[in-house]
Amino acid sequence: MAIPAAEVARETGTDTGAVTRMLDRLEAKDLVERTRNSQDRRVFNIELTDTGRLVTQKVPVLAINVMNRHLVGFDSDELEIMKGFLRRLLGNGGISITSVVNDSPVVNDHCGD
């Protein structure tokens, strides 16, 4: 699925210049490719390459391994307290934890309720 670069900037809360620099690096590593939008030639769509798709499959396992290393020594009560704090942080930032788990962060209109 291809998405416009401007949408990447909106979703990540960054400016288009930063997204362009990031895409330059990702494209140089053959992880993404930019193609002109057929309906609006001013717009570039971004799509993962085959290499990019392979890398994204590895990311969850790598992230879990890193997280597990950082959580060594915490007991289950401490982990539950930390999870509560993290939910509050996300809520304060306007992000619903349910939407993050479902892989589509959205603004939570009732943060702090």
C-alpha atoms as a PDB file:
ATOM      1  CA  MET A   1       0.000   0.000   0.000  1.00  0.00           C
ATOM      2  CA  ALA A   2       1.501   3.325  -1.046  1.00  0.00           C
ATOM      3  CA  ILE A   3       0.905   6.486   0.977  1.00  0.00           C
ATOM      4  CA  PRO A   4       1.743  10.108   0.180  1.00  0.00           C
ATOM      5  CA  ALA A   5       4.859  11.574   1.810  1.00  0.00           C
ATOM      6  CA  ALA A   6       2.782  14.480   3.172  1.00  0.00           C
ATOM      7  CA  GLU A   7       0.626  11.949   5.034  1.00  0.00           C
ATOM      8  CA  VAL A   8       3.751  10.440   6.599  1.00  0.00           C
ATOM      9  CA  ALA A   9       4.659  13.930   7.838  1.00  0.00           C
ATOM     10  CA  ARG A  10       1.163  14.493   9.299  1.00  0.00           C
ATOM     11  CA  GLU A  11       1.009  11.083  10.988  1.00  0.00           C
ATOM     12  CA  THR A  12       4.456  11.436  12.559  1.00  0.00           C
ATOM     13  CA  GLY A  13       4.078  15.087  13.527  1.00  0.00           C
ATOM     14  CA  THR A  14       7.172  16.137  11.547  1.00  0.00           C
ATOM     15  CA  ASP A  15       7.732  18.609   8.751  1.00  0.00           C
ATOM     16  CA  THR A  16       7.941  17.501   5.148  1.00  0.00           C
ATOM     17  CA  GLY A  17      11.644  18.397   4.965  1.00  0.00           C
ATOM     18  CA  ALA A  18      12.449  15.942   7.765  1.00  0.00           C
ATOM     19  CA  VAL A  19      10.353  13.275   6.062  1.00  0.00           C
ATOM     20  CA  THR A  20      12.181  13.885   2.774  1.00  0.00           C
ATOM     21  CA  ARG A  21      15.574  13.454   4.478  1.00  0.00           C
ATOM     22  CA  MET A  22      14.396  10.264   6.200  1.00  0.00           C
ATOM     23  CA  LEU A  23      12.992   8.913   2.926  1.00  0.00           C
ATOM     24  CA  ASP A  24      16.293   9.694   1.186  1.00  0.00           C
ATOM     25  CA  ARG A  25      18.089   7.499   3.730  1.00  0.00           C
ATOM     26  CA  LEU A  26      15.504   4.705   3.551  1.00  0.00           C
ATOM     27  CA  GLU A  27      15.532   4.781  -0.244  1.00  0.00           C
ATOM     28  CA  ALA A  28      19.346   4.592  -0.306  1.00  0.00           C
ATOM     29  CA  LYS A  29      19.069   1.416   1.787  1.00  0.00           C
ATOM     30  CA  ASP A  30      16.457   0.008  -0.637  1.00  0.00           C
ATOM     31  CA  LEU A  31      13.790  -0.086   2.073  1.00  0.00           C
ATOM     32  CA  VAL A  32      11.243   2.227   0.402  1.00  0.00           C
ATOM     33  CA  GLU A  33      10.579   3.603  -3.037  1.00  0.00           C
ATOM     34  CA  ARG A  34       8.945   6.863  -4.065  1.00  0.00           C
ATOM     35  CA  THR A  35       6.665   7.028  -7.074  1.00  0.00           C
ATOM     36  CA  ARG A  36       4.726   9.955  -8.462  1.00  0.00           C
ATOM     37  CA  ASN A  37       1.007   9.869  -7.784  1.00  0.00           C
ATOM     38  CA  SER A  38      -0.813   9.190 -11.061  1.00  0.00           C
ATOM     39  CA  GLN A  39      -3.582  11.667 -10.173  1.00  0.00           C
ATOM     40  CA  ASP A  40      -1.351  14.485  -8.904  1.00  0.00           C
ATOM     41  CA  ARG A  41       2.223  14.578 -10.196  1.00  0.00           C
ATOM     42  CA  ARG A  42       3.247  16.955  -7.373  1.00  0.00           C
ATOM     43  CA  VAL A  43       2.604  14.135  -4.868  1.00  0.00           C
ATOM     44  CA  PHE A  44       4.994  11.270  -4.205  1.00  0.00           C
ATOM     45  CA  ASN A  45       3.670   7.985  -2.868  1.00  0.00           C
ATOM     46  CA  ILE A  46       5.858   5.908  -0.561  1.00  0.00           C
ATOM     47  CA  GLU A  47       5.867   2.124  -0.648  1.00  0.00           C
ATOM     48  CA  LEU A  48       7.984  -0.535   1.023  1.00  0.00           C
ATOM     49  CA  THR A  49      10.299  -2.519  -1.215  1.00  0.00           C
ATOM     50  CA  ASP A  50      10.627  -6.289  -0.856  1.00  0.00           C
ATOM     51  CA  THR A  51      13.679  -5.641   1.341  1.00  0.00           C
ATOM     52  CA  GLY A  52      11.677  -3.145   3.406  1.00  0.00           C
ATOM     53  CA  ARG A  53       8.902  -5.686   3.962  1.00  0.00           C
ATOM     54  CA  LEU A  54      11.449  -8.263   5.168  1.00  0.00           C
ATOM     55  CA  VAL A  55      12.938  -5.733   7.608  1.00  0.00           C
ATOM     56  CA  THR A  56       9.526  -4.756   8.992  1.00  0.00           C
ATOM     57  CA  GLN A  57       8.823  -8.401   9.778  1.00  0.00           C
ATOM     58  CA  LYS A  58      11.934  -8.488  11.983  1.00  0.00           C
ATOM     59  CA  VAL A  59      11.230  -5.258  13.870  1.00  0.00           C
ATOM     60  CA  PRO A  60       8.677  -6.616  16.396  1.00  0.00           C
ATOM     61  CA  VAL A  61      11.026  -9.411  17.514  1.00  0.00           C
ATOM     62  CA  LEU A  62      13.952  -6.989  17.830  1.00  0.00           C
ATOM     63  CA  ALA A  63      11.826  -4.510  19.789  1.00  0.00           C
ATOM     64  CA  ILE A  64      10.612  -7.237  22.151  1.00  0.00           C
ATOM     65  CA  ASN A  65      14.170  -8.423  22.772  1.00  0.00           C
ATOM     66  CA  VAL A  66      15.332  -4.875  23.563  1.00  0.00           C
ATOM     67  CA  MET A  67      12.335  -4.284  25.848  1.00  0.00           C
ATOM     68  CA  ASN A  68      12.929  -7.559  27.687  1.00  0.00           C
ATOM     69  CA  ARG A  69      16.571  -6.602  28.319  1.00  0.00           C
ATOM     70  CA  HIS A  70      15.479  -3.267  29.793  1.00  0.00           C
ATOM     71  CA  LEU A  71      12.829  -4.865  32.013  1.00  0.00           C
ATOM     72  CA  VAL A  72      15.141  -7.355  33.737  1.00  0.00           C
ATOM     73  CA  GLY A  73      14.688  -7.097  37.504  1.00  0.00           C
ATOM     74  CA  PHE A  74      11.165  -5.629  37.497  1.00  0.00           C
ATOM     75  CA  ASP A  75       8.526  -7.737  39.237  1.00  0.00           C
ATOM     76  CA  SER A  76       4.961  -8.101  37.926  1.00  0.00           C
ATOM     77  CA  ASP A  77       3.575  -5.407  40.262  1.00  0.00           C
ATOM     78  CA  GLU A  78       6.192  -2.915  39.090  1.00  0.00           C
ATOM     79  CA  LEU A  79       5.422  -3.745  35.455  1.00  0.00           C
ATOM     80  CA  GLU A  80       1.699  -3.122  36.019  1.00  0.00           C
ATOM     81  CA  ILE A  81       2.457   0.242  37.644  1.00  0.00           C
ATOM     82  CA  MET A  82       4.714   1.158  34.712  1.00  0.00           C
ATOM     83  CA  LYS A  83       2.036   0.153  32.203  1.00  0.00           C
ATOM     84  CA  GLY A  84      -0.441   2.411  34.022  1.00  0.00           C
ATOM     85  CA  PHE A  85       2.002   5.329  33.820  1.00  0.00           C
ATOM     86  CA  LEU A  86       2.597   4.693  30.121  1.00  0.00           C
ATOM     87  CA  ARG A  87      -1.162   4.615  29.428  1.00  0.00           C
ATOM     88  CA  ARG A  88      -1.497   7.964  31.175  1.00  0.00           C
ATOM     89  CA  LEU A  89       1.413   9.409  29.154  1.00  0.00           C
ATOM     90  CA  LEU A  90      -0.208   8.282  25.900  1.00  0.00           C
ATOM     91  CA  GLY A  91      -3.558   9.643  27.039  1.00  0.00           C
ATOM     92  CA  ASN A  92      -1.998  12.988  27.901  1.00  0.00           C
ATOM     93  CA  GLY A  93      -0.576  13.046  24.385  1.00  0.00           C
ATOM     94  CA  GLY A  94      -4.023  12.454  22.908  1.00  0.00           C
ATOM     95  CA  ILE A  95      -3.402   8.855  21.846  1.00  0.00           C
ATOM     96  CA  SER A  96      -5.822   6.064  22.652  1.00  0.00           C
ATOM     97  CA  ILE A  97      -4.030   2.901  23.825  1.00  0.00           C
ATOM     98  CA  THR A  98      -6.669   0.808  22.024  1.00  0.00           C
ATOM     99  CA  SER A  99      -5.843   2.442  18.707  1.00  0.00           C
ATOM    100  CA  VAL A 100      -2.095   1.927  19.232  1.00  0.00           C
ATOM    101  CA  VAL A 101      -2.648  -1.776  19.897  1.00  0.00           C
ATOM    102  CA  ASN A 102      -4.807  -1.995  16.768  1.00  0.00           C
ATOM    103  CA  ASP A 103      -1.933  -0.418  14.770  1.00  0.00           C
ATOM    104  CA  SER A 104      -3.667   2.845  13.930  1.00  0.00           C
ATOM    105  CA  PRO A 105      -2.904   5.658  16.380  1.00  0.00           C
ATOM    106  CA  VAL A 106      -5.730   8.194  16.538  1.00  0.00           C
ATOM    107  CA  VAL A 107      -6.469  11.199  18.681  1.00  0.00           C
ATOM    108  CA  ASN A 108      -8.465  10.296  21.772  1.00  0.00           C
ATOM    109  CA  ASP A 109     -11.140  12.947  22.260  1.00  0.00           C
ATOM    110  CA  HIS A 110     -11.728  11.987  25.886  1.00  0.00           C
ATOM    111  CA  CYS A 111      -8.244  11.865  27.379  1.00  0.00           C
ATOM    112  CA  GLY A 112      -8.166  11.938  31.125  1.00  0.00           C
ATOM    113  CA  ASP A 113     -11.775  10.756  31.565  1.00  0.00           C
END
